Every structure is written in structure tokens, then in C-alpha cells.
Amino acid sequence: MPIRSDDPLRKVTLNLYEADCVWMEAEYGHGWTERVRQHIHNEVLMRANRTTVLPTKNRRTLGDLE
């Protein structure tokens, strides 16, 4: 049974390259989509940090402090 996420999830359709999916399945096995989700989340946080000050709960390092 999957572990529940602490943040709400939204199911979306995402077209990925077949070769990329094959590689991720071989590298990460079952649950590789969670790795994709985490990568996208990290990218969003990184880009959001460039343009806005994030709420305290989203700050991850001392460098995030003002």
C-alpha cells in the first residue's frame, strides 16, 4: 500500500519518452514516478526561490533565510 503524501496530489497525464521510462524503471524499479514527482517539486522550489521569498515551512537551508 502506498504511503500517503503530506501535500495534496493531483493526477495528471504526462507524456514521457519511452527510452526514459525504460531507464527509470530499470534504475529505480517500482515507484519510479515518485522520483519524477520529487524532481519536479525540487525544480519548482528552486525556481520559486529565485523570484519570491518562500514561507518559512518551505525554507530548506540557511541560505534561504533573508
N, C-alpha and C. Protein backbone atom coordinates (compact mmCIF):
# COMPACT_ATOMS: atom_id res chain seq x y z
N MET A 1 0.84 -1.18 0.00
CA MET A 1 0.00 0.00 0.00
C MET A 1 0.89 1.24 0.00
N PRO A 2 0.60 2.21 -0.89
CA PRO A 2 1.43 3.43 -0.96
C PRO A 2 1.33 4.27 0.30
N ILE A 3 2.39 4.99 0.58
CA ILE A 3 2.42 5.92 1.70
C ILE A 3 1.71 7.20 1.28
N ARG A 4 0.87 7.72 2.15
CA ARG A 4 0.15 8.96 1.83
C ARG A 4 1.10 10.14 1.79
N SER A 5 0.85 11.06 0.89
CA SER A 5 1.65 12.27 0.76
C SER A 5 1.22 13.27 1.81
N ASP A 6 2.18 14.08 2.30
CA ASP A 6 1.83 15.12 3.26
C ASP A 6 1.24 16.35 2.57
N ASP A 7 1.45 16.48 1.27
CA ASP A 7 0.84 17.55 0.47
C ASP A 7 -0.19 16.93 -0.46
N PRO A 8 -1.24 17.68 -0.81
CA PRO A 8 -2.24 17.14 -1.74
C PRO A 8 -1.61 16.84 -3.10
N LEU A 9 -2.07 15.77 -3.73
CA LEU A 9 -1.59 15.37 -5.05
C LEU A 9 -2.68 15.58 -6.08
N ARG A 10 -2.27 15.83 -7.32
CA ARG A 10 -3.19 15.92 -8.43
C ARG A 10 -2.71 14.96 -9.50
N LYS A 11 -3.61 14.12 -10.00
CA LYS A 11 -3.25 13.18 -11.05
C LYS A 11 -3.27 13.90 -12.39
N VAL A 12 -2.18 13.77 -13.14
CA VAL A 12 -2.07 14.41 -14.45
C VAL A 12 -1.56 13.39 -15.46
N THR A 13 -1.79 13.69 -16.73
CA THR A 13 -1.23 12.87 -17.80
C THR A 13 0.03 13.58 -18.28
N LEU A 14 1.13 12.86 -18.32
CA LEU A 14 2.41 13.43 -18.74
C LEU A 14 3.02 12.48 -19.76
N ASN A 15 3.29 12.98 -20.94
CA ASN A 15 3.91 12.17 -21.98
C ASN A 15 5.42 12.22 -21.83
N LEU A 16 6.02 11.07 -21.59
CA LEU A 16 7.46 10.95 -21.43
C LEU A 16 8.02 10.10 -22.55
N TYR A 17 9.29 10.27 -22.84
CA TYR A 17 9.95 9.44 -23.85
C TYR A 17 10.03 8.01 -23.35
N GLU A 18 9.74 7.06 -24.24
CA GLU A 18 9.76 5.64 -23.89
C GLU A 18 11.10 5.22 -23.32
N ALA A 19 12.18 5.64 -23.97
CA ALA A 19 13.52 5.26 -23.51
C ALA A 19 13.79 5.77 -22.09
N ASP A 20 13.28 6.95 -21.78
CA ASP A 20 13.46 7.50 -20.43
C ASP A 20 12.71 6.66 -19.40
N CYS A 21 11.50 6.24 -19.73
CA CYS A 21 10.71 5.41 -18.82
C CYS A 21 11.38 4.06 -18.59
N VAL A 22 11.90 3.47 -19.65
CA VAL A 22 12.58 2.18 -19.53
C VAL A 22 13.78 2.32 -18.61
N TRP A 23 14.56 3.39 -18.79
CA TRP A 23 15.74 3.61 -17.95
C TRP A 23 15.34 3.80 -16.48
N MET A 24 14.31 4.63 -16.24
CA MET A 24 13.90 4.90 -14.85
C MET A 24 13.34 3.64 -14.19
N GLU A 25 12.60 2.83 -14.94
CA GLU A 25 12.10 1.57 -14.39
C GLU A 25 13.26 0.65 -14.00
N ALA A 26 14.28 0.60 -14.85
CA ALA A 26 15.44 -0.25 -14.56
C ALA A 26 16.25 0.31 -13.39
N GLU A 27 16.39 1.60 -13.34
CA GLU A 27 17.22 2.25 -12.31
C GLU A 27 16.54 2.28 -10.94
N TYR A 28 15.25 2.64 -10.91
CA TYR A 28 14.55 2.87 -9.65
C TYR A 28 13.51 1.80 -9.32
N GLY A 29 13.14 0.99 -10.30
CA GLY A 29 12.13 -0.05 -10.05
C GLY A 29 10.75 0.53 -9.85
N HIS A 30 9.91 -0.29 -9.19
CA HIS A 30 8.53 0.14 -8.91
C HIS A 30 8.57 1.41 -8.06
N GLY A 31 7.76 2.38 -8.41
CA GLY A 31 7.74 3.64 -7.68
C GLY A 31 8.61 4.72 -8.30
N TRP A 32 9.10 4.48 -9.51
CA TRP A 32 9.96 5.47 -10.16
C TRP A 32 9.23 6.78 -10.39
N THR A 33 7.90 6.75 -10.48
CA THR A 33 7.17 8.00 -10.70
C THR A 33 7.28 8.94 -9.51
N GLU A 34 7.47 8.37 -8.32
CA GLU A 34 7.67 9.23 -7.15
C GLU A 34 8.97 10.03 -7.29
N ARG A 35 9.99 9.41 -7.87
CA ARG A 35 11.25 10.12 -8.12
C ARG A 35 11.04 11.27 -9.10
N VAL A 36 10.22 11.04 -10.12
CA VAL A 36 9.91 12.10 -11.09
C VAL A 36 9.17 13.23 -10.39
N ARG A 37 8.18 12.88 -9.56
CA ARG A 37 7.41 13.89 -8.82
C ARG A 37 8.33 14.72 -7.93
N GLN A 38 9.25 14.08 -7.23
CA GLN A 38 10.16 14.80 -6.34
C GLN A 38 11.11 15.71 -7.12
N HIS A 39 11.56 15.23 -8.28
CA HIS A 39 12.44 16.05 -9.11
C HIS A 39 11.70 17.32 -9.58
N ILE A 40 10.46 17.17 -10.02
CA ILE A 40 9.68 18.32 -10.47
C ILE A 40 9.45 19.28 -9.29
N HIS A 41 9.14 18.73 -8.13
CA HIS A 41 8.91 19.56 -6.94
C HIS A 41 10.17 20.36 -6.59
N ASN A 42 11.32 19.72 -6.62
CA ASN A 42 12.58 20.42 -6.34
C ASN A 42 12.85 21.52 -7.35
N GLU A 43 12.54 21.26 -8.61
CA GLU A 43 12.72 22.27 -9.66
C GLU A 43 11.82 23.48 -9.41
N VAL A 44 10.57 23.22 -9.04
CA VAL A 44 9.64 24.31 -8.74
C VAL A 44 10.13 25.13 -7.55
N LEU A 45 10.56 24.46 -6.48
CA LEU A 45 11.06 25.18 -5.32
C LEU A 45 12.28 26.03 -5.68
N MET A 46 13.18 25.48 -6.47
CA MET A 46 14.38 26.21 -6.86
C MET A 46 14.01 27.47 -7.66
N ARG A 47 13.11 27.32 -8.60
CA ARG A 47 12.71 28.47 -9.42
C ARG A 47 11.91 29.48 -8.61
N ALA A 48 11.07 29.01 -7.70
CA ALA A 48 10.28 29.92 -6.86
C ALA A 48 11.21 30.72 -5.95
N ASN A 49 12.29 30.11 -5.48
CA ASN A 49 13.24 30.80 -4.62
C ASN A 49 13.95 31.93 -5.35
N ARG A 50 14.06 31.82 -6.65
CA ARG A 50 14.73 32.88 -7.43
C ARG A 50 13.90 34.14 -7.50
N THR A 51 12.56 34.01 -7.45
CA THR A 51 11.71 35.17 -7.70
C THR A 51 10.93 35.65 -6.50
N THR A 52 10.70 34.78 -5.50
CA THR A 52 9.90 35.19 -4.35
C THR A 52 10.53 34.65 -3.08
N VAL A 53 10.11 35.21 -1.98
CA VAL A 53 10.53 34.68 -0.68
C VAL A 53 9.48 33.64 -0.30
N LEU A 54 9.92 32.42 -0.06
CA LEU A 54 9.00 31.35 0.29
C LEU A 54 8.61 31.43 1.75
N PRO A 55 7.44 30.93 2.10
CA PRO A 55 7.07 30.85 3.51
C PRO A 55 8.10 30.03 4.28
N THR A 56 8.17 30.26 5.57
CA THR A 56 9.17 29.61 6.41
C THR A 56 9.17 28.10 6.26
N LYS A 57 8.01 27.45 6.14
CA LYS A 57 7.96 26.00 6.08
C LYS A 57 8.68 25.44 4.84
N ASN A 58 8.84 26.24 3.78
CA ASN A 58 9.49 25.76 2.56
C ASN A 58 10.98 26.07 2.51
N ARG A 59 11.48 26.79 3.49
CA ARG A 59 12.92 27.08 3.53
C ARG A 59 13.65 25.84 3.96
N ARG A 60 14.72 25.49 3.23
CA ARG A 60 15.40 24.23 3.48
C ARG A 60 16.81 24.38 4.00
N THR A 61 17.46 25.52 3.77
CA THR A 61 18.82 25.70 4.22
C THR A 61 18.98 27.10 4.79
N LEU A 62 20.12 27.35 5.44
CA LEU A 62 20.40 28.69 5.97
C LEU A 62 20.45 29.72 4.85
N GLY A 63 20.84 29.31 3.66
CA GLY A 63 20.88 30.22 2.52
C GLY A 63 19.52 30.74 2.12
N ASP A 64 18.43 30.07 2.55
CA ASP A 64 17.08 30.52 2.22
C ASP A 64 16.61 31.66 3.11
N LEU A 65 17.32 31.90 4.23
CA LEU A 65 16.91 32.95 5.14
C LEU A 65 17.27 34.32 4.57
N GLU A 66 16.51 35.31 4.93
CA GLU A 66 16.78 36.67 4.44
C GLU A 66 17.97 37.27 5.13
